[in-house]
Amino acid sequence: MKRKILKYLLWFLAKITLWRYHPLVIAVTGSTGKSSTKEAIYYALKNDFKIERSISNLNTEIGLP
């Protein structure tokens, strides 16, 4: 039950953040090469945009929201 509440709260906070700031989101999906692609995108855009990235791998049902 606690996990379900936590997932809902994270979803809700993510929704409010997206509504408030309207960020441009780049999502990388697939079975291979996501970490390398994430790093390449970050280094290509970091000089021209204020950009954030996850430092570690957050591939969990809670990490994605």
C-alpha atoms as a PDB file:
ATOM      1  CA  MET A   1       0.000   0.000   0.000  1.00  0.00           C
ATOM      2  CA  LYS A   2       2.845   2.417   0.843  1.00  0.00           C
ATOM      3  CA  ARG A   3       4.442   1.774  -2.543  1.00  0.00           C
ATOM      4  CA  LYS A   4       1.162   2.616  -4.310  1.00  0.00           C
ATOM      5  CA  ILE A   5       0.870   5.896  -2.379  1.00  0.00           C
ATOM      6  CA  LEU A   6       4.493   6.779  -3.145  1.00  0.00           C
ATOM      7  CA  LYS A   7       3.980   6.093  -6.863  1.00  0.00           C
ATOM      8  CA  TYR A   8       0.878   8.291  -6.872  1.00  0.00           C
ATOM      9  CA  LEU A   9       2.653  11.147  -5.067  1.00  0.00           C
ATOM     10  CA  LEU A  10       5.611  11.012  -7.464  1.00  0.00           C
ATOM     11  CA  TRP A  11       3.234  11.000 -10.444  1.00  0.00           C
ATOM     12  CA  PHE A  12       1.337  13.961  -9.019  1.00  0.00           C
ATOM     13  CA  LEU A  13       4.503  15.981  -8.311  1.00  0.00           C
ATOM     14  CA  ALA A  14       5.807  15.259 -11.816  1.00  0.00           C
ATOM     15  CA  LYS A  15       2.509  16.389 -13.337  1.00  0.00           C
ATOM     16  CA  ILE A  16       2.546  19.660 -11.387  1.00  0.00           C
ATOM     17  CA  THR A  17       6.186  20.310 -12.319  1.00  0.00           C
ATOM     18  CA  LEU A  18       5.433  19.777 -16.007  1.00  0.00           C
ATOM     19  CA  TRP A  19       2.382  22.033 -15.800  1.00  0.00           C
ATOM     20  CA  ARG A  20       4.260  24.808 -13.994  1.00  0.00           C
ATOM     21  CA  TYR A  21       7.500  24.945 -15.976  1.00  0.00           C
ATOM     22  CA  HIS A  22       6.591  23.475 -19.399  1.00  0.00           C
ATOM     23  CA  PRO A  23      10.058  21.985 -19.936  1.00  0.00           C
ATOM     24  CA  LEU A  24      11.234  20.480 -23.193  1.00  0.00           C
ATOM     25  CA  VAL A  25      11.590  16.780 -22.415  1.00  0.00           C
ATOM     26  CA  ILE A  26      13.773  14.434 -24.437  1.00  0.00           C
ATOM     27  CA  ALA A  27      13.049  10.768 -23.767  1.00  0.00           C
ATOM     28  CA  VAL A  28      15.391   8.000 -24.876  1.00  0.00           C
ATOM     29  CA  THR A  29      13.891   4.521 -25.093  1.00  0.00           C
ATOM     30  CA  GLY A  30      15.014   1.145 -26.311  1.00  0.00           C
ATOM     31  CA  SER A  31      16.854  -1.904 -25.108  1.00  0.00           C
ATOM     32  CA  THR A  32      20.467  -0.817 -25.727  1.00  0.00           C
ATOM     33  CA  GLY A  33      22.541   2.353 -25.739  1.00  0.00           C
ATOM     34  CA  LYS A  34      20.343   4.581 -23.606  1.00  0.00           C
ATOM     35  CA  SER A  35      23.082   5.696 -21.209  1.00  0.00           C
ATOM     36  CA  SER A  36      25.508   6.556 -24.002  1.00  0.00           C
ATOM     37  CA  THR A  37      22.796   8.389 -25.915  1.00  0.00           C
ATOM     38  CA  LYS A  38      21.780  10.315 -22.777  1.00  0.00           C
ATOM     39  CA  GLU A  39      25.386  11.435 -22.281  1.00  0.00           C
ATOM     40  CA  ALA A  40      25.772  12.430 -25.944  1.00  0.00           C
ATOM     41  CA  ILE A  41      22.588  14.514 -25.844  1.00  0.00           C
ATOM     42  CA  TYR A  42      23.714  16.194 -22.624  1.00  0.00           C
ATOM     43  CA  TYR A  43      27.150  17.162 -23.948  1.00  0.00           C
ATOM     44  CA  ALA A  44      25.720  18.336 -27.283  1.00  0.00           C
ATOM     45  CA  LEU A  45      23.173  20.672 -25.637  1.00  0.00           C
ATOM     46  CA  LYS A  46      24.832  21.808 -22.393  1.00  0.00           C
ATOM     47  CA  ASN A  47      26.505  24.911 -23.865  1.00  0.00           C
ATOM     48  CA  ASP A  48      23.339  26.284 -25.469  1.00  0.00           C
ATOM     49  CA  PHE A  49      20.615  25.318 -22.980  1.00  0.00           C
ATOM     50  CA  LYS A  50      20.047  24.951 -19.269  1.00  0.00           C
ATOM     51  CA  ILE A  51      19.921  21.176 -19.188  1.00  0.00           C
ATOM     52  CA  GLU A  52      19.640  18.531 -16.494  1.00  0.00           C
ATOM     53  CA  ARG A  53      20.238  14.790 -16.609  1.00  0.00           C
ATOM     54  CA  SER A  54      20.117  11.895 -14.219  1.00  0.00           C
ATOM     55  CA  ILE A  55      23.591  10.944 -13.059  1.00  0.00           C
ATOM     56  CA  SER A  56      22.790   7.319 -12.322  1.00  0.00           C
ATOM     57  CA  ASN A  57      20.514   4.738 -13.870  1.00  0.00           C
ATOM     58  CA  LEU A  58      16.950   5.172 -12.559  1.00  0.00           C
ATOM     59  CA  ASN A  59      15.280   2.311 -14.413  1.00  0.00           C
ATOM     60  CA  THR A  60      12.689   1.363 -11.817  1.00  0.00           C
ATOM     61  CA  GLU A  61       8.942   1.791 -11.573  1.00  0.00           C
ATOM     62  CA  ILE A  62       9.585   4.648  -9.137  1.00  0.00           C
ATOM     63  CA  GLY A  63      12.607   6.146 -10.911  1.00  0.00           C
ATOM     64  CA  LEU A  64      10.871   7.001 -14.151  1.00  0.00           C
ATOM     65  CA  PRO A  65       8.191   9.424 -12.847  1.00  0.00           C
END
